[in-house]
């Protein structure tokens, strides 16, 4: 397979950035992943009233006002701050010869689970405990809106193109990727920022604990962000694209047949990409725990050779990041490819499974630019 971009109308990933438990920025993510550094640690119970004895994976030293400054952050919630910071890092990490900034033709598509559970809980508690149900502090309202992260990012960085939020659980970042493709193909934007964001909070800790029946799980947080462009917009003189998006497929596991749904999803994506399993350099599984994760592992092992499944699992290192998980898996493949010359021209596969039944996968063709972009 060629390692050159295949056409002006194809969709490419030209940059990425992250705010993760490894730290803020793409370099921190790449270095943490390459080192295989686990980030789980007990919470500080002075700051968190979470499930007892649970380890968590937090973005280190993420104090909103210290990271973003005091102006405009007094009432900003954690989820929105993670997204705003990820956009800032993507802009700041762009090379001088190819700067990126806001404007009328740059769109934002953010994947989420439910927005911020903590925002909903705080708003509901204020309504129930106030003198009257409608006596709710106005400052609580913005952080309970599902599109808070996307809208705050657009306002902060002057992103004046289409602004969308997609609720899709663990597959949300891939749903955002598909939506971003449509925006570019229908010329609604010249560039699209897309990805997924998830915060850690007291509310999410307890909701996940009860949803899983008390089962132990290490929760993480962060924002994974991709910059999408068409081949036509990658002007001469810019650094080459990192990867070409070949296929994004979705299924719903309605018949309690996870292997069947995921298998159909993967085979459909390979057919769309006009590729076979032999073309695949790396497969990044969802990292979901329990029987679903075991079934996914067995299926992937039956379709792909062991070498493609040997890359470091992102979720093992930074925890369950829910709506951001597929986004972190995508940049995990890109980051690993940056250190591996043999990846160029081959494929990366992202698999995503959500407990509510959605199944998704994406296939990207890794290009030479991936080795020049991130450390």
Protein backbone atom coordinates (compact mmCIF):
# COMPACT_ATOMS: atom_id res chain seq x y z
CA UNK A 1 0.00 0.00 0.00
CA UNK A 2 1.26 3.49 -0.83
CA UNK A 3 2.28 5.82 1.99
CA UNK A 4 1.22 8.92 0.05
CA UNK A 5 -2.13 10.73 0.42
CA UNK A 6 -4.56 9.26 -2.11
CA UNK A 7 -6.68 12.21 -3.15
CA UNK A 8 -7.87 15.78 -2.53
CA UNK A 9 -11.30 14.67 -1.27
CA UNK A 10 -10.05 12.11 1.21
CA UNK A 11 -10.12 12.87 4.95
CA UNK A 12 -6.86 13.08 6.85
CA UNK A 13 -5.74 13.45 10.43
CA UNK A 14 -3.22 16.26 10.27
CA UNK A 15 -2.56 16.81 13.99
CA UNK A 16 -3.62 15.56 17.40
CA UNK A 17 -3.31 16.55 21.02
CA UNK A 18 -4.33 15.27 24.41
CA UNK A 19 -4.94 16.16 28.02
CA UNK A 20 -4.53 12.86 29.83
CA UNK A 21 -3.39 11.29 33.11
CA UNK A 22 0.10 11.30 31.54
CA UNK A 23 -0.03 15.12 31.57
CA UNK A 24 -1.03 18.05 29.40
CA UNK A 25 -0.12 17.97 25.71
CA UNK A 26 0.85 15.51 23.02
CA UNK A 27 4.45 15.09 24.18
CA UNK A 28 3.36 14.01 27.67
CA UNK A 29 0.97 11.45 26.18
CA UNK A 30 3.57 10.02 23.78
CA UNK A 31 6.23 9.76 26.46
CA UNK A 32 3.88 8.14 28.99
CA UNK A 33 2.57 5.63 26.48
CA UNK A 34 6.04 4.73 25.21
CA UNK A 35 7.29 4.22 28.78
CA UNK A 36 4.22 2.10 29.66
CA UNK A 37 3.72 4.27 32.72
CA UNK A 38 0.66 3.40 34.78
CA UNK A 39 -1.10 6.40 36.28
CA UNK A 40 -3.55 4.86 38.77
CA UNK A 41 -3.27 6.16 42.32
CA UNK A 42 -5.49 6.48 45.40
CA UNK A 43 -7.55 9.69 45.47
CA UNK A 44 -6.90 12.46 47.92
CA UNK A 45 -10.00 12.18 50.10
CA UNK A 46 -9.73 15.83 51.07
CA UNK A 47 -10.59 16.61 47.43
CA UNK A 48 -12.69 13.61 46.39
CA UNK A 49 -15.62 11.90 48.15
CA UNK A 50 -15.54 8.87 45.89
CA UNK A 51 -15.94 5.10 46.09
CA UNK A 52 -13.81 3.81 49.00
CA UNK A 53 -10.52 2.07 48.19
CA UNK A 54 -10.75 2.88 44.48
CA UNK A 55 -7.72 3.95 42.49
CA UNK A 56 -8.21 6.66 39.89
CA UNK A 57 -6.28 8.20 36.98
CA UNK A 58 -6.38 11.99 37.09
CA UNK A 59 -4.76 14.59 34.87
CA UNK A 60 -1.88 15.61 37.17
CA UNK A 61 -2.07 19.00 38.86
CA UNK A 62 -5.13 20.00 36.85
CA UNK A 63 -6.29 23.08 38.68
CA UNK A 64 -8.56 24.91 36.24
CA UNK A 65 -7.62 28.45 37.19
CA UNK A 66 -3.92 27.65 37.26
CA UNK A 67 -4.01 25.92 33.86
CA UNK A 68 -6.28 28.37 32.02
CA UNK A 69 -5.99 31.52 34.12
CA UNK A 70 -8.54 33.34 36.25
CA UNK A 71 -10.39 35.15 33.48
CA UNK A 72 -13.49 33.24 32.36
CA UNK A 73 -12.90 30.21 34.55
CA UNK A 74 -14.67 31.08 37.80
CA UNK A 75 -17.67 28.85 37.04
CA UNK A 76 -16.09 26.55 34.44
CA UNK A 77 -16.51 22.85 35.17
CA UNK A 78 -13.79 20.24 34.89
CA UNK A 79 -15.04 18.63 31.67
CA UNK A 80 -15.20 21.94 29.80
CA UNK A 81 -11.76 22.91 31.11
CA UNK A 82 -10.25 19.64 29.85
CA UNK A 83 -11.64 20.29 26.36
CA UNK A 84 -10.59 23.95 26.27
CA UNK A 85 -7.07 22.95 27.33
CA UNK A 86 -6.84 20.23 24.66
CA UNK A 87 -7.74 22.75 21.94
CA UNK A 88 -5.18 25.18 23.32
CA UNK A 89 -2.48 22.52 23.24
CA UNK A 90 -3.30 21.51 19.67
CA UNK A 91 -2.98 25.13 18.56
CA UNK A 92 0.20 25.74 20.55
CA UNK A 93 1.89 22.54 19.35
CA UNK A 94 1.37 23.38 15.67
CA UNK A 95 4.62 24.17 13.85
CA UNK A 96 5.42 27.78 12.97
CA UNK A 97 5.21 27.03 9.24
CA UNK A 98 1.67 25.64 9.63
CA UNK A 99 -0.07 27.61 12.41
CA UNK A 100 -3.61 26.75 13.48
CA UNK A 101 -6.11 29.19 14.93
CA UNK A 102 -9.83 29.74 15.21
CA UNK A 103 -11.97 31.29 12.53
CA UNK A 104 -15.20 30.94 10.54
CA UNK A 105 -14.25 27.70 8.78
CA UNK A 106 -13.05 25.56 11.67
CA UNK A 107 -15.62 23.27 13.29
CA UNK A 108 -15.79 21.48 16.63
CA UNK A 109 -17.36 18.03 17.15
CA UNK A 110 -17.05 16.71 20.68
CA UNK A 111 -18.04 13.24 21.87
CA UNK A 112 -19.40 12.78 25.37
CA UNK A 113 -21.30 10.29 27.50
CA UNK A 114 -23.84 12.53 29.21
CA UNK A 115 -21.92 15.75 29.55
CA UNK A 116 -20.91 16.18 33.17
CA UNK A 117 -22.77 14.02 35.73
CA UNK A 118 -21.41 16.24 38.49
CA UNK A 119 -23.06 19.26 36.89
CA UNK A 120 -26.43 17.49 36.77
CA UNK A 121 -26.11 16.32 40.37
CA UNK A 122 -25.14 19.76 41.68
CA UNK A 123 -28.04 21.40 39.85
CA UNK A 124 -30.55 18.79 41.03
CA UNK A 125 -29.30 18.98 44.62
CA UNK A 126 -29.66 22.77 44.62
CA UNK A 127 -33.24 22.45 43.36
CA UNK A 128 -34.14 19.90 46.04
CA UNK A 129 -32.46 21.63 48.97
CA UNK A 130 -33.22 25.27 48.14
CA UNK A 131 -36.16 27.21 49.62
CA UNK A 132 -38.03 26.59 46.37
CA UNK A 133 -37.29 24.24 43.43
CA UNK A 134 -36.47 27.12 41.12
CA UNK A 135 -34.09 28.75 43.57
CA UNK A 136 -31.01 27.37 41.83
CA UNK A 137 -27.78 29.40 41.54
CA UNK A 138 -27.49 30.60 37.97
CA UNK A 139 -23.79 29.72 37.95
CA UNK A 140 -24.69 26.02 38.04
CA UNK A 141 -26.69 26.10 34.82
CA UNK A 142 -23.91 26.17 32.17
CA UNK A 143 -22.15 23.08 33.53
CA UNK A 144 -25.26 20.90 33.33
CA UNK A 145 -25.70 21.48 29.59
CA UNK A 146 -24.45 18.54 27.53
CA UNK A 147 -22.71 20.72 24.95
CA UNK A 148 -20.84 22.77 27.54
CA UNK A 149 -17.39 21.41 26.60
CA UNK A 150 -17.82 22.02 22.86
CA UNK A 151 -19.39 25.44 23.25
CA UNK A 152 -16.84 26.61 25.83
CA UNK A 153 -14.03 25.51 23.49
CA UNK A 154 -15.57 27.41 20.59
CA UNK A 155 -16.04 30.59 22.63
CA UNK A 156 -12.57 30.41 24.18
CA UNK A 157 -10.73 29.80 20.90
CA UNK A 158 -13.07 31.60 18.45
CA UNK A 159 -14.09 28.49 16.54
CA UNK A 160 -16.86 29.96 14.38
CA UNK A 161 -17.73 26.92 12.25
CA UNK A 162 -20.36 24.27 13.09
CA UNK A 163 -20.34 23.25 16.75
CA UNK A 164 -21.74 19.84 17.67
CA UNK A 165 -21.87 17.49 20.62
CA UNK A 166 -22.51 13.76 20.19
CA UNK A 167 -23.47 11.57 23.13
CA UNK A 168 -22.27 8.05 22.40
CA UNK A 169 -20.55 6.57 25.43
CA UNK A 170 -17.28 4.77 24.72
CA UNK A 171 -17.82 5.07 20.95
CA UNK A 172 -18.41 8.84 21.13
CA UNK A 173 -15.02 9.87 19.72
CA UNK A 174 -15.56 7.64 16.66
CA UNK A 175 -19.06 9.05 16.20
CA UNK A 176 -17.48 12.50 16.32
CA UNK A 177 -14.92 11.38 13.72
CA UNK A 178 -17.68 10.20 11.39
CA UNK A 179 -19.60 13.45 11.87
CA UNK A 180 -16.45 15.43 11.16
CA UNK A 181 -15.99 13.53 7.91
CA UNK A 182 -19.48 14.58 6.81
CA UNK A 183 -18.82 18.23 7.61
CA UNK A 184 -15.71 18.21 5.46
CA UNK A 185 -17.20 16.25 2.57
CA UNK A 186 -20.21 18.56 2.42
CA UNK A 187 -17.93 21.62 2.67
CA UNK A 188 -19.45 22.88 5.90
CA UNK A 189 -15.94 23.52 7.22
CA UNK A 190 -12.33 23.57 6.05
CA UNK A 191 -11.00 21.96 9.21
CA UNK A 192 -12.67 20.00 12.00
CA UNK A 193 -11.53 19.49 15.57
CA UNK A 194 -13.07 16.25 16.81
CA UNK A 195 -12.60 13.88 19.71
CA UNK A 196 -13.99 12.90 23.08
CA UNK A 197 -13.87 14.25 26.61
CA UNK A 198 -14.62 12.76 30.03
CA UNK A 199 -14.07 14.17 33.50
CA UNK A 200 -13.53 12.35 36.76
CA UNK A 201 -15.91 13.44 39.50
CA UNK A 202 -17.55 12.24 42.69
CA UNK A 203 -20.82 11.74 40.82
CA UNK A 204 -19.26 9.68 38.03
CA UNK A 205 -17.39 7.55 40.55
CA UNK A 206 -20.59 6.51 42.33
CA UNK A 207 -22.69 6.17 39.18
CA UNK A 208 -20.14 3.80 37.63
CA UNK A 209 -19.84 1.88 40.90
CA UNK A 210 -23.57 1.18 41.05
CA UNK A 211 -23.92 0.60 37.30
CA UNK A 212 -21.29 -2.13 37.50
CA UNK A 213 -22.84 -3.69 40.59
CA UNK A 214 -19.96 -2.69 42.82
CA UNK A 215 -17.30 -4.18 40.54
CA UNK A 216 -13.86 -2.61 40.77
CA UNK A 217 -12.81 -0.43 37.86
CA UNK A 218 -10.14 2.24 37.54
CA UNK A 219 -11.68 5.40 36.11
CA UNK A 220 -9.65 7.93 34.17
CA UNK A 221 -10.28 11.30 32.59
CA UNK A 222 -9.09 13.57 29.83
CA UNK A 223 -9.67 14.84 26.31
CA UNK A 224 -8.31 13.38 23.07
CA UNK A 225 -8.50 15.67 20.05
CA UNK A 226 -7.87 15.19 16.32
CA UNK A 227 -7.60 17.81 13.58
CA UNK A 228 -9.29 16.61 10.37
CA UNK A 229 -8.68 18.09 6.93
CA UNK A 230 -9.23 17.15 3.31
CA UNK A 231 -6.37 16.49 0.95
CA UNK A 232 -7.23 19.71 -0.88
CA UNK A 233 -6.73 21.80 2.24
CA UNK A 234 -3.30 20.38 2.98
CA UNK A 235 -1.54 23.18 1.14
CA UNK A 236 1.89 22.89 -0.39
CA UNK A 237 4.65 23.51 2.10
CA UNK A 238 2.73 22.13 5.08
CA UNK A 239 3.99 19.07 6.86
CA UNK A 240 2.40 15.85 5.55
CA UNK A 241 -0.70 14.27 7.03
CA UNK A 242 -0.36 11.75 9.85
CA UNK A 243 -3.03 9.32 8.68
CA UNK A 244 -5.82 8.90 6.18
CA UNK A 245 -9.25 7.94 7.55
CA UNK A 246 -10.34 4.96 5.45
CA UNK A 247 -13.41 3.67 7.29
CA UNK A 248 -15.58 4.30 10.35
CA UNK A 249 -18.29 1.69 11.00
CA UNK A 250 -20.96 1.23 13.66
CA UNK A 251 -23.27 -1.59 14.77
CA UNK A 252 -25.65 -2.19 17.68
CA UNK A 253 -25.50 -5.42 19.65
CA UNK A 254 -29.25 -6.03 19.78
CA UNK A 255 -29.13 -9.87 19.83
CA UNK A 256 -26.73 -10.34 22.73
CA UNK A 257 -24.12 -11.40 20.18
CA UNK A 258 -21.13 -9.14 20.75
CA UNK A 259 -18.80 -11.21 18.58
CA UNK A 260 -21.28 -11.13 15.72
CA UNK A 261 -21.83 -7.37 15.94
CA UNK A 262 -18.14 -6.50 16.31
CA UNK A 263 -17.12 -9.02 13.66
CA UNK A 264 -19.59 -7.51 11.18
CA UNK A 265 -18.31 -4.04 12.07
CA UNK A 266 -14.67 -5.00 11.49
CA UNK A 267 -15.34 -6.90 8.27
CA UNK A 268 -17.43 -3.99 6.98
CA UNK A 269 -14.66 -1.52 7.77
CA UNK A 270 -12.00 -3.69 6.08
CA UNK A 271 -14.22 -3.97 3.00
CA UNK A 272 -14.74 -0.20 2.91
CA UNK A 273 -10.99 0.32 3.26
CA UNK A 274 -10.37 -2.28 0.51
CA UNK A 275 -7.94 -3.99 2.83
CA UNK A 276 -7.31 -7.32 4.54
CA UNK A 277 -6.10 -8.27 7.99
CA UNK A 278 -2.59 -8.68 6.55
CA UNK A 279 -2.49 -4.92 5.85
CA UNK A 280 -2.99 -4.09 9.54
CA UNK A 281 -0.01 -2.94 11.60
CA UNK A 282 -1.74 -2.33 14.93
CA UNK A 283 -5.10 -3.05 16.54
CA UNK A 284 -6.16 -1.08 19.60
CA UNK A 285 -8.94 -2.84 21.56
CA UNK A 286 -11.47 -0.95 23.63
CA UNK A 287 -9.99 -2.10 26.92
CA UNK A 288 -13.45 -2.59 28.41
CA UNK A 289 -13.42 -4.81 31.49
CA UNK A 290 -15.40 -7.96 32.22
CA UNK A 291 -16.86 -10.62 29.90
CA UNK A 292 -17.37 -8.12 27.04
CA UNK A 293 -13.67 -7.29 27.04
CA UNK A 294 -12.73 -10.97 27.10
CA UNK A 295 -15.04 -11.67 24.15
CA UNK A 296 -13.57 -8.75 22.23
CA UNK A 297 -10.04 -10.04 22.88
CA UNK A 298 -10.94 -13.50 21.59
CA UNK A 299 -12.52 -12.11 18.43
CA UNK A 300 -9.62 -9.78 17.66
CA UNK A 301 -7.20 -12.64 18.27
CA UNK A 302 -9.05 -14.76 15.72
CA UNK A 303 -8.90 -12.03 13.06
CA UNK A 304 -5.44 -10.51 13.53
CA UNK A 305 -1.99 -11.88 14.31
CA UNK A 306 -0.39 -11.47 17.70
CA UNK A 307 2.07 -8.80 16.51
CA UNK A 308 -0.74 -6.40 15.64
CA UNK A 309 -2.26 -6.87 19.09
CA UNK A 310 0.98 -6.33 20.99
CA UNK A 311 0.92 -2.52 21.22
CA UNK A 312 0.50 -0.96 24.66
CA UNK A 313 -3.16 -0.78 25.69
CA UNK A 314 -4.00 2.82 26.52
CA UNK A 315 -6.77 1.95 28.99
CA UNK A 316 -4.43 -0.26 31.01
CA UNK A 317 -2.31 2.83 31.66
CA UNK A 318 -4.82 5.69 32.04
CA UNK A 319 -7.99 3.91 33.14
CA UNK A 320 -11.50 3.84 31.72
CA UNK A 321 -11.97 7.24 30.09
CA UNK A 322 -15.44 6.41 28.71
CA UNK A 323 -16.35 8.96 26.00
CA UNK A 324 -12.67 9.83 25.47
CA UNK A 325 -11.52 6.19 25.29
CA UNK A 326 -11.75 5.63 21.52
CA UNK A 327 -10.07 9.00 20.96
CA UNK A 328 -7.19 8.02 23.22
CA UNK A 329 -6.94 4.68 21.41
CA UNK A 330 -6.69 6.51 18.09
CA UNK A 331 -3.90 8.80 19.23
CA UNK A 332 -2.29 5.80 20.92
CA UNK A 333 -1.94 4.17 17.49
CA UNK A 334 -0.62 7.42 15.98
CA UNK A 335 1.85 7.87 18.83
CA UNK A 336 3.13 4.30 18.57
CA UNK A 337 3.46 4.63 14.79
CA UNK A 338 5.61 7.74 15.23
CA UNK A 339 8.31 5.52 16.74
CA UNK A 340 7.96 2.68 14.23
CA UNK A 341 9.15 3.18 10.62
CA UNK A 342 7.60 -0.15 9.61
CA UNK A 343 4.11 1.25 10.29
CA UNK A 344 4.18 3.64 7.32
CA UNK A 345 1.67 2.70 4.65
CA UNK A 346 0.01 0.09 6.86
CA UNK A 347 -3.25 0.28 8.79
CA UNK A 348 -4.30 1.03 12.33
CA UNK A 349 -7.59 -0.38 13.65
CA UNK A 350 -9.54 1.03 16.59
CA UNK A 351 -12.19 -1.17 18.24
CA UNK A 352 -14.79 0.27 20.61
CA UNK A 353 -17.47 -1.43 22.71
CA UNK A 354 -19.99 0.27 24.99
CA UNK A 355 -21.93 -1.55 27.75
CA UNK A 356 -25.17 -0.14 26.34
CA UNK A 357 -24.70 -2.12 23.12
CA UNK A 358 -23.03 0.17 20.61
CA UNK A 359 -20.07 -1.25 18.71
CA UNK A 360 -17.72 0.78 16.52
CA UNK A 361 -14.42 0.58 14.72
CA UNK A 362 -12.24 2.83 12.62
CA UNK A 363 -9.41 2.13 10.18
CA UNK A 364 -6.70 4.64 9.31
CA UNK A 365 -3.79 4.36 6.90
CA UNK A 366 -0.61 5.56 8.57
CA UNK A 367 1.37 8.08 6.53
CA UNK A 368 4.94 9.32 6.65
CA UNK A 369 3.94 12.51 8.46
CA UNK A 370 3.17 10.51 11.61
CA UNK A 371 6.92 10.08 12.21
CA UNK A 372 7.63 13.78 11.91
CA UNK A 373 4.85 15.03 14.13
CA UNK A 374 5.04 13.80 17.70
CA UNK A 375 7.99 12.81 19.88
